[in-house]
Amino acid sequence: MNRGHLLARQLGGSGTDRRNLVTLYRTANSPEMSTQEQKIADSIAAGNTVYYSSVPVWGSDSNPIPLGVTLTAYTSTGARIVNQTIWNRP
């Protein structure tokens, strides 16, 4: 299990603020989540303004581990960077 950042460290997210962390299986965190986060970081590095959302997908029970995380990122011109749910599977 990994501490998954809702806002990636390379995008300015904190690794110590619990509000920014969810429990993810290793493969969900890397390479799946980190690949999408890198696309966002690359777009910012290219000079784009990016609108970003990262929302945990919770199950119907009281399990503290999310089923996944939905990432959405668009440039200010409306170009889609990411619009995907990363499912949290072992």
N, C-alpha and C. Protein backbone atom coordinates (compact mmCIF):
# COMPACT_ATOMS: atom_id res chain seq x y z
N MET A 1 0.85 -1.18 0.00
CA MET A 1 0.00 0.00 0.00
C MET A 1 0.89 1.24 0.00
N ASN A 2 0.39 2.30 -0.66
CA ASN A 2 1.11 3.57 -0.76
C ASN A 2 0.24 4.71 -0.25
N ARG A 3 0.91 5.79 0.13
CA ARG A 3 0.19 7.04 0.39
C ARG A 3 0.02 7.73 -0.95
N GLY A 4 -1.18 7.77 -1.47
CA GLY A 4 -1.44 8.41 -2.76
C GLY A 4 -1.80 9.87 -2.54
N HIS A 5 -1.15 10.74 -3.29
CA HIS A 5 -1.44 12.17 -3.21
C HIS A 5 -2.62 12.51 -4.11
N LEU A 6 -3.59 13.23 -3.60
CA LEU A 6 -4.67 13.72 -4.45
C LEU A 6 -4.15 14.84 -5.35
N LEU A 7 -3.31 15.69 -4.80
CA LEU A 7 -2.56 16.68 -5.59
C LEU A 7 -1.10 16.25 -5.50
N ALA A 8 -0.55 15.80 -6.62
CA ALA A 8 0.80 15.25 -6.66
C ALA A 8 1.84 16.22 -6.13
N ARG A 9 2.89 15.68 -5.58
CA ARG A 9 3.98 16.50 -5.06
C ARG A 9 4.55 17.41 -6.14
N GLN A 10 4.70 16.88 -7.37
CA GLN A 10 5.27 17.69 -8.45
C GLN A 10 4.32 18.81 -8.90
N LEU A 11 3.06 18.76 -8.42
CA LEU A 11 2.10 19.82 -8.72
C LEU A 11 1.88 20.74 -7.53
N GLY A 12 2.65 20.51 -6.46
CA GLY A 12 2.56 21.37 -5.28
C GLY A 12 1.83 20.77 -4.10
N GLY A 13 1.44 19.50 -4.20
CA GLY A 13 0.71 18.85 -3.12
C GLY A 13 1.61 18.43 -1.97
N SER A 14 1.06 18.41 -0.79
CA SER A 14 1.79 18.06 0.42
C SER A 14 1.77 16.56 0.66
N GLY A 15 2.89 16.02 1.10
CA GLY A 15 2.97 14.62 1.49
C GLY A 15 2.73 14.42 2.97
N THR A 16 2.51 15.50 3.71
CA THR A 16 2.28 15.39 5.14
C THR A 16 0.87 15.84 5.55
N ASP A 17 0.16 16.52 4.67
CA ASP A 17 -1.21 16.96 4.96
C ASP A 17 -2.16 15.80 4.68
N ARG A 18 -2.74 15.24 5.72
CA ARG A 18 -3.60 14.06 5.58
C ARG A 18 -4.79 14.31 4.66
N ARG A 19 -5.22 15.54 4.51
CA ARG A 19 -6.34 15.84 3.61
C ARG A 19 -5.97 15.60 2.16
N ASN A 20 -4.67 15.51 1.87
CA ASN A 20 -4.19 15.31 0.51
C ASN A 20 -3.81 13.85 0.23
N LEU A 21 -4.01 12.97 1.18
CA LEU A 21 -3.54 11.59 1.04
C LEU A 21 -4.67 10.58 1.13
N VAL A 22 -4.59 9.57 0.28
CA VAL A 22 -5.47 8.41 0.35
C VAL A 22 -4.61 7.16 0.22
N THR A 23 -5.13 6.04 0.70
CA THR A 23 -4.41 4.78 0.59
C THR A 23 -4.65 4.18 -0.78
N LEU A 24 -3.55 3.91 -1.50
CA LEU A 24 -3.64 3.31 -2.83
C LEU A 24 -2.75 2.07 -2.89
N TYR A 25 -3.19 1.11 -3.67
CA TYR A 25 -2.30 -0.01 -3.97
C TYR A 25 -1.15 0.50 -4.81
N ARG A 26 -0.02 -0.17 -4.73
CA ARG A 26 1.19 0.29 -5.39
C ARG A 26 0.99 0.55 -6.88
N THR A 27 0.37 -0.37 -7.62
CA THR A 27 0.22 -0.18 -9.07
C THR A 27 -0.74 0.94 -9.42
N ALA A 28 -1.74 1.18 -8.56
CA ALA A 28 -2.64 2.31 -8.81
C ALA A 28 -1.89 3.62 -8.66
N ASN A 29 -1.00 3.67 -7.68
CA ASN A 29 -0.23 4.88 -7.43
C ASN A 29 0.84 5.09 -8.49
N SER A 30 1.57 4.03 -8.80
CA SER A 30 2.62 4.11 -9.82
C SER A 30 2.71 2.75 -10.49
N PRO A 31 2.47 2.69 -11.76
CA PRO A 31 2.61 3.75 -12.74
C PRO A 31 1.31 4.48 -13.12
N GLU A 32 0.14 3.96 -12.72
CA GLU A 32 -1.10 4.53 -13.26
C GLU A 32 -1.32 6.00 -12.90
N MET A 33 -1.34 6.32 -11.62
CA MET A 33 -1.59 7.69 -11.19
C MET A 33 -0.43 8.61 -11.59
N SER A 34 0.79 8.16 -11.39
CA SER A 34 1.95 9.01 -11.68
C SER A 34 2.06 9.32 -13.17
N THR A 35 1.65 8.41 -14.04
CA THR A 35 1.67 8.68 -15.48
C THR A 35 0.74 9.83 -15.84
N GLN A 36 -0.45 9.83 -15.26
CA GLN A 36 -1.42 10.90 -15.53
C GLN A 36 -0.95 12.23 -14.93
N GLU A 37 -0.38 12.16 -13.74
CA GLU A 37 0.13 13.38 -13.09
C GLU A 37 1.26 13.99 -13.91
N GLN A 38 2.09 13.16 -14.52
CA GLN A 38 3.18 13.67 -15.35
C GLN A 38 2.65 14.40 -16.57
N LYS A 39 1.56 13.93 -17.16
CA LYS A 39 0.94 14.63 -18.29
C LYS A 39 0.51 16.04 -17.87
N ILE A 40 -0.03 16.14 -16.67
CA ILE A 40 -0.47 17.43 -16.15
C ILE A 40 0.74 18.34 -15.91
N ALA A 41 1.77 17.79 -15.28
CA ALA A 41 2.99 18.57 -15.01
C ALA A 41 3.62 19.04 -16.32
N ASP A 42 3.63 18.20 -17.34
CA ASP A 42 4.19 18.57 -18.64
C ASP A 42 3.40 19.72 -19.27
N SER A 43 2.09 19.69 -19.13
CA SER A 43 1.25 20.75 -19.68
C SER A 43 1.52 22.09 -18.97
N ILE A 44 1.69 22.03 -17.66
CA ILE A 44 2.03 23.24 -16.90
C ILE A 44 3.40 23.76 -17.31
N ALA A 45 4.37 22.85 -17.46
CA ALA A 45 5.72 23.23 -17.86
C ALA A 45 5.73 23.87 -19.26
N ALA A 46 4.75 23.50 -20.08
CA ALA A 46 4.65 24.07 -21.43
C ALA A 46 3.99 25.44 -21.40
N GLY A 47 3.61 25.91 -20.21
CA GLY A 47 3.06 27.26 -20.09
C GLY A 47 1.55 27.33 -20.00
N ASN A 48 0.88 26.20 -19.93
CA ASN A 48 -0.58 26.19 -19.86
C ASN A 48 -1.08 26.43 -18.44
N THR A 49 -2.21 27.10 -18.34
CA THR A 49 -2.96 27.17 -17.10
C THR A 49 -3.83 25.92 -17.07
N VAL A 50 -3.81 25.20 -15.96
CA VAL A 50 -4.51 23.93 -15.88
C VAL A 50 -5.55 23.97 -14.76
N TYR A 51 -6.74 23.49 -15.07
CA TYR A 51 -7.80 23.31 -14.09
C TYR A 51 -7.82 21.83 -13.74
N TYR A 52 -7.66 21.53 -12.45
CA TYR A 52 -7.41 20.17 -12.00
C TYR A 52 -8.37 19.75 -10.90
N SER A 53 -8.80 18.50 -10.97
CA SER A 53 -9.64 17.93 -9.93
C SER A 53 -9.20 16.48 -9.69
N SER A 54 -9.16 16.09 -8.43
CA SER A 54 -8.81 14.73 -8.05
C SER A 54 -9.77 14.33 -6.93
N VAL A 55 -10.68 13.39 -7.24
CA VAL A 55 -11.75 13.04 -6.31
C VAL A 55 -11.73 11.55 -6.01
N PRO A 56 -11.58 11.17 -4.74
CA PRO A 56 -11.64 9.75 -4.39
C PRO A 56 -13.03 9.18 -4.69
N VAL A 57 -13.07 7.93 -5.10
CA VAL A 57 -14.32 7.20 -5.33
C VAL A 57 -14.49 6.26 -4.14
N TRP A 58 -15.47 6.56 -3.30
CA TRP A 58 -15.68 5.77 -2.08
C TRP A 58 -16.73 4.72 -2.31
N GLY A 59 -16.59 3.56 -1.65
CA GLY A 59 -17.58 2.50 -1.71
C GLY A 59 -18.74 2.82 -0.79
N SER A 60 -19.69 1.92 -0.74
CA SER A 60 -20.88 2.15 0.07
C SER A 60 -20.69 1.76 1.54
N ASP A 61 -19.58 1.10 1.84
CA ASP A 61 -19.33 0.72 3.23
C ASP A 61 -18.40 1.71 3.91
N SER A 62 -17.95 1.39 5.07
CA SER A 62 -17.09 2.32 5.83
C SER A 62 -15.60 2.06 5.59
N ASN A 63 -15.25 1.37 4.51
CA ASN A 63 -13.86 1.08 4.20
C ASN A 63 -13.10 2.39 3.96
N PRO A 64 -12.00 2.61 4.68
CA PRO A 64 -11.24 3.86 4.52
C PRO A 64 -10.37 3.88 3.26
N ILE A 65 -10.35 2.78 2.50
CA ILE A 65 -9.56 2.72 1.28
C ILE A 65 -10.49 2.98 0.09
N PRO A 66 -10.21 4.00 -0.73
CA PRO A 66 -11.10 4.31 -1.85
C PRO A 66 -11.05 3.24 -2.93
N LEU A 67 -12.14 3.15 -3.68
CA LEU A 67 -12.21 2.23 -4.83
C LEU A 67 -11.34 2.74 -5.98
N GLY A 68 -11.13 4.04 -6.00
CA GLY A 68 -10.32 4.65 -7.05
C GLY A 68 -10.24 6.14 -6.84
N VAL A 69 -9.63 6.82 -7.80
CA VAL A 69 -9.52 8.28 -7.79
C VAL A 69 -9.82 8.76 -9.21
N THR A 70 -10.75 9.70 -9.32
CA THR A 70 -11.06 10.28 -10.62
C THR A 70 -10.24 11.55 -10.81
N LEU A 71 -9.40 11.55 -11.84
CA LEU A 71 -8.56 12.71 -12.18
C LEU A 71 -9.16 13.41 -13.38
N THR A 72 -9.28 14.72 -13.29
CA THR A 72 -9.74 15.54 -14.40
C THR A 72 -8.82 16.75 -14.50
N ALA A 73 -8.33 17.02 -15.70
CA ALA A 73 -7.48 18.19 -15.91
C ALA A 73 -7.68 18.70 -17.33
N TYR A 74 -7.92 20.00 -17.42
CA TYR A 74 -8.10 20.68 -18.69
C TYR A 74 -7.26 21.94 -18.70
N THR A 75 -6.85 22.36 -19.90
CA THR A 75 -6.17 23.64 -20.01
C THR A 75 -7.22 24.75 -20.01
N SER A 76 -6.77 25.98 -19.87
CA SER A 76 -7.69 27.11 -19.86
C SER A 76 -8.39 27.30 -21.21
N THR A 77 -7.87 26.68 -22.27
CA THR A 77 -8.52 26.74 -23.57
C THR A 77 -9.51 25.59 -23.77
N GLY A 78 -9.62 24.72 -22.77
CA GLY A 78 -10.56 23.61 -22.83
C GLY A 78 -9.99 22.30 -23.35
N ALA A 79 -8.70 22.28 -23.63
CA ALA A 79 -8.08 21.04 -24.11
C ALA A 79 -7.97 20.04 -22.95
N ARG A 80 -8.44 18.84 -23.19
CA ARG A 80 -8.41 17.80 -22.16
C ARG A 80 -6.99 17.25 -22.02
N ILE A 81 -6.53 17.18 -20.79
CA ILE A 81 -5.25 16.54 -20.47
C ILE A 81 -5.54 15.15 -19.93
N VAL A 82 -6.42 15.08 -18.94
CA VAL A 82 -6.78 13.81 -18.29
C VAL A 82 -8.25 13.89 -17.89
N ASN A 83 -8.95 12.79 -18.13
CA ASN A 83 -10.31 12.63 -17.60
C ASN A 83 -10.50 11.13 -17.42
N GLN A 84 -10.08 10.63 -16.25
CA GLN A 84 -9.98 9.19 -16.07
C GLN A 84 -10.11 8.82 -14.60
N THR A 85 -10.72 7.68 -14.36
CA THR A 85 -10.73 7.10 -13.01
C THR A 85 -9.63 6.05 -12.94
N ILE A 86 -8.76 6.22 -11.96
CA ILE A 86 -7.72 5.24 -11.67
C ILE A 86 -8.31 4.30 -10.62
N TRP A 87 -8.56 3.06 -11.00
CA TRP A 87 -9.16 2.10 -10.06
C TRP A 87 -8.09 1.56 -9.12
N ASN A 88 -8.43 1.48 -7.87
CA ASN A 88 -7.51 1.08 -6.81
C ASN A 88 -7.56 -0.44 -6.61
N ARG A 89 -6.77 -1.14 -7.43
CA ARG A 89 -6.74 -2.60 -7.39
C ARG A 89 -5.34 -3.08 -7.07
N PRO A 90 -5.23 -4.23 -6.38
CA PRO A 90 -3.90 -4.77 -6.09
C PRO A 90 -3.16 -5.19 -7.35
